[in-house]
């Protein structure tokens, strides 16, 4: 999926493995913050969506139409 998005010009040109690791680190770190009660679990759905949206802007190519959709 990452390579296909890069080929369409939607995602930044970076090693797909690096993008995968960054996404996994984000997911694991955020989930650990809920487990550790650092974040209020009652806000989990909202915070997860907001963080994923924000992270997505970082991997989208600067000129991508998807970047402007938010």
PDB file of N, CA and C in Angstrom:
ATOM      1  N   UNK A   1       0.824  -1.181   0.000  1.00  0.00           N
ATOM      2  CA  UNK A   1       0.000   0.000   0.000  1.00  0.00           C
ATOM      3  C   UNK A   1       0.876   1.255   0.000  1.00  0.00           C
ATOM      4  N   UNK A   2       1.951   1.214   0.751  1.00  0.00           N
ATOM      5  CA  UNK A   2       2.824   2.379   0.830  1.00  0.00           C
ATOM      6  C   UNK A   2       3.463   2.651  -0.519  1.00  0.00           C
ATOM      7  N   UNK A   3       4.005   1.624  -1.142  1.00  0.00           N
ATOM      8  CA  UNK A   3       4.663   1.796  -2.443  1.00  0.00           C
ATOM      9  C   UNK A   3       3.654   2.279  -3.479  1.00  0.00           C
ATOM     10  N   UNK A   4       2.461   1.719  -3.480  1.00  0.00           N
ATOM     11  CA  UNK A   4       1.432   2.154  -4.429  1.00  0.00           C
ATOM     12  C   UNK A   4       1.088   3.632  -4.215  1.00  0.00           C
ATOM     13  N   UNK A   5       0.970   4.050  -2.960  1.00  0.00           N
ATOM     14  CA  UNK A   5       0.694   5.454  -2.657  1.00  0.00           C
ATOM     15  C   UNK A   5       1.836   6.357  -3.105  1.00  0.00           C
ATOM     16  N   UNK A   6       3.058   5.881  -2.956  1.00  0.00           N
ATOM     17  CA  UNK A   6       4.211   6.646  -3.420  1.00  0.00           C
ATOM     18  C   UNK A   6       4.206   6.761  -4.940  1.00  0.00           C
ATOM     19  N   UNK A   7       3.881   5.679  -5.623  1.00  0.00           N
ATOM     20  CA  UNK A   7       3.847   5.691  -7.083  1.00  0.00           C
ATOM     21  C   UNK A   7       2.773   6.630  -7.618  1.00  0.00           C
ATOM     22  N   UNK A   8       1.678   6.781  -6.875  1.00  0.00           N
ATOM     23  CA  UNK A   8       0.617   7.709  -7.284  1.00  0.00           C
ATOM     24  C   UNK A   8       0.944   9.148  -6.898  1.00  0.00           C
ATOM     25  N   UNK A   9       2.031   9.349  -6.176  1.00  0.00           N
ATOM     26  CA  UNK A   9       2.416  10.687  -5.755  1.00  0.00           C
ATOM     27  C   UNK A   9       1.673  11.179  -4.525  1.00  0.00           C
ATOM     28  N   UNK A  10       1.007  10.279  -3.820  1.00  0.00           N
ATOM     29  CA  UNK A  10       0.229  10.651  -2.638  1.00  0.00           C
ATOM     30  C   UNK A  10       1.068  10.624  -1.357  1.00  0.00           C
ATOM     31  N   UNK A  11       2.100   9.781  -1.331  1.00  0.00           N
ATOM     32  CA  UNK A  11       2.939   9.639  -0.146  1.00  0.00           C
ATOM     33  C   UNK A  11       4.359  10.097  -0.443  1.00  0.00           C
ATOM     34  N   UNK A  12       5.013  10.572   0.592  1.00  0.00           N
ATOM     35  CA  UNK A  12       6.406  10.999   0.471  1.00  0.00           C
ATOM     36  C   UNK A  12       7.278   9.845  -0.010  1.00  0.00           C
ATOM     37  N   UNK A  13       8.348  10.216  -0.698  1.00  0.00           N
ATOM     38  CA  UNK A  13       9.324   9.222  -1.111  1.00  0.00           C
ATOM     39  C   UNK A  13      10.272   8.977   0.051  1.00  0.00           C
ATOM     40  N   UNK A  14      10.022   7.918   0.768  1.00  0.00           N
ATOM     41  CA  UNK A  14      10.860   7.473   1.880  1.00  0.00           C
ATOM     42  C   UNK A  14      10.814   5.958   1.864  1.00  0.00           C
ATOM     43  N   UNK A  15      11.760   5.352   2.507  1.00  0.00           N
ATOM     44  CA  UNK A  15      11.783   3.888   2.552  1.00  0.00           C
ATOM     45  C   UNK A  15      10.467   3.384   3.154  1.00  0.00           C
ATOM     46  N   UNK A  16       9.772   2.500   2.436  1.00  0.00           N
ATOM     47  CA  UNK A  16       8.512   1.974   2.961  1.00  0.00           C
ATOM     48  C   UNK A  16       8.667   1.363   4.351  1.00  0.00           C
ATOM     49  N   UNK A  17       9.817   0.733   4.599  1.00  0.00           N
ATOM     50  CA  UNK A  17      10.051   0.134   5.910  1.00  0.00           C
ATOM     51  C   UNK A  17      10.079   1.211   7.002  1.00  0.00           C
ATOM     52  N   UNK A  18      10.640   2.371   6.678  1.00  0.00           N
ATOM     53  CA  UNK A  18      10.698   3.466   7.641  1.00  0.00           C
ATOM     54  C   UNK A  18       9.300   4.001   7.952  1.00  0.00           C
ATOM     55  N   UNK A  19       8.479   4.133   6.929  1.00  0.00           N
ATOM     56  CA  UNK A  19       7.100   4.584   7.132  1.00  0.00           C
ATOM     57  C   UNK A  19       6.347   3.566   7.988  1.00  0.00           C
ATOM     58  N   UNK A  20       6.563   2.288   7.739  1.00  0.00           N
ATOM     59  CA  UNK A  20       5.919   1.232   8.517  1.00  0.00           C
ATOM     60  C   UNK A  20       6.341   1.303   9.982  1.00  0.00           C
ATOM     61  N   UNK A  21       7.642   1.458  10.226  1.00  0.00           N
ATOM     62  CA  UNK A  21       8.141   1.537  11.599  1.00  0.00           C
ATOM     63  C   UNK A  21       7.568   2.761  12.303  1.00  0.00           C
ATOM     64  N   UNK A  22       7.518   3.896  11.605  1.00  0.00           N
ATOM     65  CA  UNK A  22       6.981   5.119  12.206  1.00  0.00           C
ATOM     66  C   UNK A  22       5.512   4.936  12.581  1.00  0.00           C
ATOM     67  N   UNK A  23       4.738   4.312  11.701  1.00  0.00           N
ATOM     68  CA  UNK A  23       3.319   4.082  11.979  1.00  0.00           C
ATOM     69  C   UNK A  23       3.140   3.120  13.153  1.00  0.00           C
ATOM     70  N   UNK A  24       3.953   2.069  13.192  1.00  0.00           N
ATOM     71  CA  UNK A  24       3.862   1.118  14.300  1.00  0.00           C
ATOM     72  C   UNK A  24       4.268   1.772  15.610  1.00  0.00           C
ATOM     73  N   UNK A  25       5.304   2.577  15.589  1.00  0.00           N
ATOM     74  CA  UNK A  25       5.751   3.261  16.805  1.00  0.00           C
ATOM     75  C   UNK A  25       4.662   4.190  17.322  1.00  0.00           C
ATOM     76  N   UNK A  26       3.996   4.873  16.405  1.00  0.00           N
ATOM     77  CA  UNK A  26       2.901   5.760  16.799  1.00  0.00           C
ATOM     78  C   UNK A  26       1.777   4.957  17.455  1.00  0.00           C
ATOM     79  N   UNK A  27       1.392   3.863  16.820  1.00  0.00           N
ATOM     80  CA  UNK A  27       0.295   3.047  17.361  1.00  0.00           C
ATOM     81  C   UNK A  27       0.665   2.440  18.710  1.00  0.00           C
ATOM     82  N   UNK A  28       1.857   1.885  18.818  1.00  0.00           N
ATOM     83  CA  UNK A  28       2.270   1.274  20.076  1.00  0.00           C
ATOM     84  C   UNK A  28       2.423   2.321  21.173  1.00  0.00           C
ATOM     85  N   UNK A  29       3.029   3.438  20.839  1.00  0.00           N
ATOM     86  CA  UNK A  29       3.226   4.487  21.835  1.00  0.00           C
ATOM     87  C   UNK A  29       1.918   5.061  22.337  1.00  0.00           C
ATOM     88  N   UNK A  30       1.004   5.331  21.421  1.00  0.00           N
ATOM     89  CA  UNK A  30      -0.293   5.884  21.809  1.00  0.00           C
ATOM     90  C   UNK A  30      -1.073   4.884  22.664  1.00  0.00           C
ATOM     91  N   UNK A  31      -1.060   3.625  22.254  1.00  0.00           N
ATOM     92  CA  UNK A  31      -1.786   2.622  23.045  1.00  0.00           C
ATOM     93  C   UNK A  31      -1.175   2.483  24.435  1.00  0.00           C
ATOM     94  N   UNK A  32       0.145   2.558  24.531  1.00  0.00           N
ATOM     95  CA  UNK A  32       0.796   2.461  25.841  1.00  0.00           C
ATOM     96  C   UNK A  32       0.424   3.645  26.718  1.00  0.00           C
ATOM     97  N   UNK A  33       0.229   4.801  26.137  1.00  0.00           N
ATOM     98  CA  UNK A  33      -0.170   5.985  26.906  1.00  0.00           C
ATOM     99  C   UNK A  33      -1.545   5.777  27.542  1.00  0.00           C
ATOM    100  N   UNK A  34      -2.429   5.082  26.850  1.00  0.00           N
ATOM    101  CA  UNK A  34      -3.742   4.763  27.434  1.00  0.00           C
ATOM    102  C   UNK A  34      -3.597   3.709  28.531  1.00  0.00           C
ATOM    103  N   UNK A  35      -2.797   2.676  28.264  1.00  0.00           N
ATOM    104  CA  UNK A  35      -2.590   1.609  29.246  1.00  0.00           C
ATOM    105  C   UNK A  35      -1.989   2.167  30.537  1.00  0.00           C
ATOM    106  N   UNK A  36      -1.067   3.112  30.401  1.00  0.00           N
ATOM    107  CA  UNK A  36      -0.388   3.697  31.563  1.00  0.00           C
ATOM    108  C   UNK A  36      -1.207   4.797  32.236  1.00  0.00           C
ATOM    109  N   UNK A  37      -2.416   5.030  31.761  1.00  0.00           N
ATOM    110  CA  UNK A  37      -3.287   6.089  32.291  1.00  0.00           C
ATOM    111  C   UNK A  37      -2.692   7.484  32.139  1.00  0.00           C
ATOM    112  N   UNK A  38      -1.783   7.629  31.186  1.00  0.00           N
ATOM    113  CA  UNK A  38      -1.252   8.957  30.881  1.00  0.00           C
ATOM    114  C   UNK A  38      -2.309   9.761  30.121  1.00  0.00           C
ATOM    115  N   UNK A  39      -3.122   9.064  29.348  1.00  0.00           N
ATOM    116  CA  UNK A  39      -4.234   9.667  28.618  1.00  0.00           C
ATOM    117  C   UNK A  39      -5.539   9.054  29.106  1.00  0.00           C
ATOM    118  N   UNK A  40      -6.578   9.851  29.092  1.00  0.00           N
ATOM    119  CA  UNK A  40      -7.902   9.423  29.535  1.00  0.00           C
ATOM    120  C   UNK A  40      -8.514   8.484  28.494  1.00  0.00           C
ATOM    121  N   UNK A  41      -8.716   7.233  28.878  1.00  0.00           N
ATOM    122  CA  UNK A  41      -9.239   6.227  27.953  1.00  0.00           C
ATOM    123  C   UNK A  41     -10.633   6.571  27.436  1.00  0.00           C
ATOM    124  N   UNK A  42     -11.381   7.383  28.158  1.00  0.00           N
ATOM    125  CA  UNK A  42     -12.716   7.757  27.674  1.00  0.00           C
ATOM    126  C   UNK A  42     -12.626   8.663  26.440  1.00  0.00           C
ATOM    127  N   UNK A  43     -11.459   9.228  26.201  1.00  0.00           N
ATOM    128  CA  UNK A  43     -11.245  10.078  25.009  1.00  0.00           C
ATOM    129  C   UNK A  43     -10.507   9.331  23.909  1.00  0.00           C
ATOM    130  N   UNK A  44     -10.344   8.026  24.062  1.00  0.00           N
ATOM    131  CA  UNK A  44      -9.512   7.241  23.148  1.00  0.00           C
ATOM    132  C   UNK A  44      -9.935   7.389  21.690  1.00  0.00           C
ATOM    133  N   UNK A  45     -11.202   7.201  21.379  1.00  0.00           N
ATOM    134  CA  UNK A  45     -11.645   7.262  19.984  1.00  0.00           C
ATOM    135  C   UNK A  45     -11.304   8.604  19.350  1.00  0.00           C
ATOM    136  N   UNK A  46     -11.594   9.672  20.051  1.00  0.00           N
ATOM    137  CA  UNK A  46     -11.331  11.013  19.520  1.00  0.00           C
ATOM    138  C   UNK A  46      -9.839  11.243  19.344  1.00  0.00           C
ATOM    139  N   UNK A  47      -9.072  10.929  20.380  1.00  0.00           N
ATOM    140  CA  UNK A  47      -7.629  11.160  20.309  1.00  0.00           C
ATOM    141  C   UNK A  47      -6.957  10.304  19.245  1.00  0.00           C
ATOM    142  N   UNK A  48      -7.357   9.066  19.136  1.00  0.00           N
ATOM    143  CA  UNK A  48      -6.777   8.186  18.118  1.00  0.00           C
ATOM    144  C   UNK A  48      -7.032   8.770  16.729  1.00  0.00           C
ATOM    145  N   UNK A  49      -8.251   9.167  16.459  1.00  0.00           N
ATOM    146  CA  UNK A  49      -8.565   9.743  15.148  1.00  0.00           C
ATOM    147  C   UNK A  49      -7.773  11.025  14.889  1.00  0.00           C
ATOM    148  N   UNK A  50      -7.654  11.876  15.894  1.00  0.00           N
ATOM    149  CA  UNK A  50      -6.916  13.125  15.725  1.00  0.00           C
ATOM    150  C   UNK A  50      -5.431  12.870  15.484  1.00  0.00           C
ATOM    151  N   UNK A  51      -4.846  11.947  16.238  1.00  0.00           N
ATOM    152  CA  UNK A  51      -3.423  11.649  16.078  1.00  0.00           C
ATOM    153  C   UNK A  51      -3.155  11.002  14.719  1.00  0.00           C
ATOM    154  N   UNK A  52      -4.001  10.085  14.304  1.00  0.00           N
ATOM    155  CA  UNK A  52      -3.819   9.442  13.000  1.00  0.00           C
ATOM    156  C   UNK A  52      -3.955  10.470  11.873  1.00  0.00           C
ATOM    157  N   UNK A  53      -4.920  11.373  11.986  1.00  0.00           N
ATOM    158  CA  UNK A  53      -5.053  12.421  10.974  1.00  0.00           C
ATOM    159  C   UNK A  53      -3.806  13.293  10.926  1.00  0.00           C
ATOM    160  N   UNK A  54      -3.296  13.682  12.079  1.00  0.00           N
ATOM    161  CA  UNK A  54      -2.108  14.522  12.137  1.00  0.00           C
ATOM    162  C   UNK A  54      -0.899  13.786  11.591  1.00  0.00           C
ATOM    163  N   UNK A  55      -0.718  12.534  11.950  1.00  0.00           N
ATOM    164  CA  UNK A  55       0.391  11.735  11.445  1.00  0.00           C
ATOM    165  C   UNK A  55       0.296  11.608   9.927  1.00  0.00           C
ATOM    166  N   UNK A  56      -0.922  11.400   9.438  1.00  0.00           N
ATOM    167  CA  UNK A  56      -1.128  11.256   7.997  1.00  0.00           C
ATOM    168  C   UNK A  56      -0.624  12.451   7.215  1.00  0.00           C
ATOM    169  N   UNK A  57      -0.771  13.644   7.752  1.00  0.00           N
ATOM    170  CA  UNK A  57      -0.280  14.835   7.073  1.00  0.00           C
ATOM    171  C   UNK A  57       1.231  14.789   6.900  1.00  0.00           C
ATOM    172  N   UNK A  58       1.915  14.142   7.833  1.00  0.00           N
ATOM    173  CA  UNK A  58       3.368  14.059   7.757  1.00  0.00           C
ATOM    174  C   UNK A  58       3.875  13.141   6.667  1.00  0.00           C
ATOM    175  N   UNK A  59       3.130  12.107   6.330  1.00  0.00           N
ATOM    176  CA  UNK A  59       3.592  11.178   5.311  1.00  0.00           C
ATOM    177  C   UNK A  59       3.030  11.492   3.934  1.00  0.00           C
ATOM    178  N   UNK A  60       2.040  12.379   3.880  1.00  0.00           N
ATOM    179  CA  UNK A  60       1.521  12.760   2.572  1.00  0.00           C
ATOM    180  C   UNK A  60       2.533  13.632   1.848  1.00  0.00           C
ATOM    181  N   UNK A  61       2.626  13.439   0.562  1.00  0.00           N
ATOM    182  CA  UNK A  61       3.509  14.270  -0.248  1.00  0.00           C
ATOM    183  C   UNK A  61       3.057  15.722  -0.172  1.00  0.00           C
ATOM    184  N   UNK A  62       4.004  16.677  -0.165  1.00  0.00           N
ATOM    185  CA  UNK A  62       3.634  18.082  -0.026  1.00  0.00           C
ATOM    186  C   UNK A  62       2.565  18.565  -1.006  1.00  0.00           C
ATOM    187  N   UNK A  63       2.563  18.094  -2.236  1.00  0.00           N
ATOM    188  CA  UNK A  63       1.589  18.557  -3.222  1.00  0.00           C
ATOM    189  C   UNK A  63       0.378  17.654  -3.373  1.00  0.00           C
ATOM    190  N   UNK A  64       0.234  16.661  -2.509  1.00  0.00           N
ATOM    191  CA  UNK A  64      -0.839  15.699  -2.624  1.00  0.00           C
ATOM    192  C   UNK A  64      -2.201  16.334  -2.425  1.00  0.00           C
ATOM    193  N   UNK A  65      -3.158  15.969  -3.272  1.00  0.00           N
ATOM    194  CA  UNK A  65      -4.541  16.445  -3.114  1.00  0.00           C
ATOM    195  C   UNK A  65      -5.106  15.978  -1.781  1.00  0.00           C
ATOM    196  N   UNK A  66      -4.675  14.849  -1.295  1.00  0.00           N
ATOM    197  CA  UNK A  66      -5.169  14.307  -0.028  1.00  0.00           C
ATOM    198  C   UNK A  66      -4.766  15.199   1.145  1.00  0.00           C
ATOM    199  N   UNK A  67      -3.633  15.888   1.026  1.00  0.00           N
ATOM    200  CA  UNK A  67      -3.170  16.770   2.097  1.00  0.00           C
ATOM    201  C   UNK A  67      -4.164  17.913   2.287  1.00  0.00           C
ATOM    202  N   UNK A  68      -4.718  18.411   1.213  1.00  0.00           N
ATOM    203  CA  UNK A  68      -5.649  19.533   1.267  1.00  0.00           C
ATOM    204  C   UNK A  68      -7.061  19.124   1.667  1.00  0.00           C
ATOM    205  N   UNK A  69      -7.332  17.816   1.720  1.00  0.00           N
ATOM    206  CA  UNK A  69      -8.677  17.328   2.050  1.00  0.00           C
ATOM    207  C   UNK A  69      -9.046  17.579   3.502  1.00  0.00           C
ATOM    208  N   UNK A  70      -8.059  17.779   4.363  1.00  0.00           N
ATOM    209  CA  UNK A  70      -8.335  17.995   5.784  1.00  0.00           C
ATOM    210  C   UNK A  70      -8.539  19.442   5.959  1.00  0.00           C
TER     211      UNK A  70
END
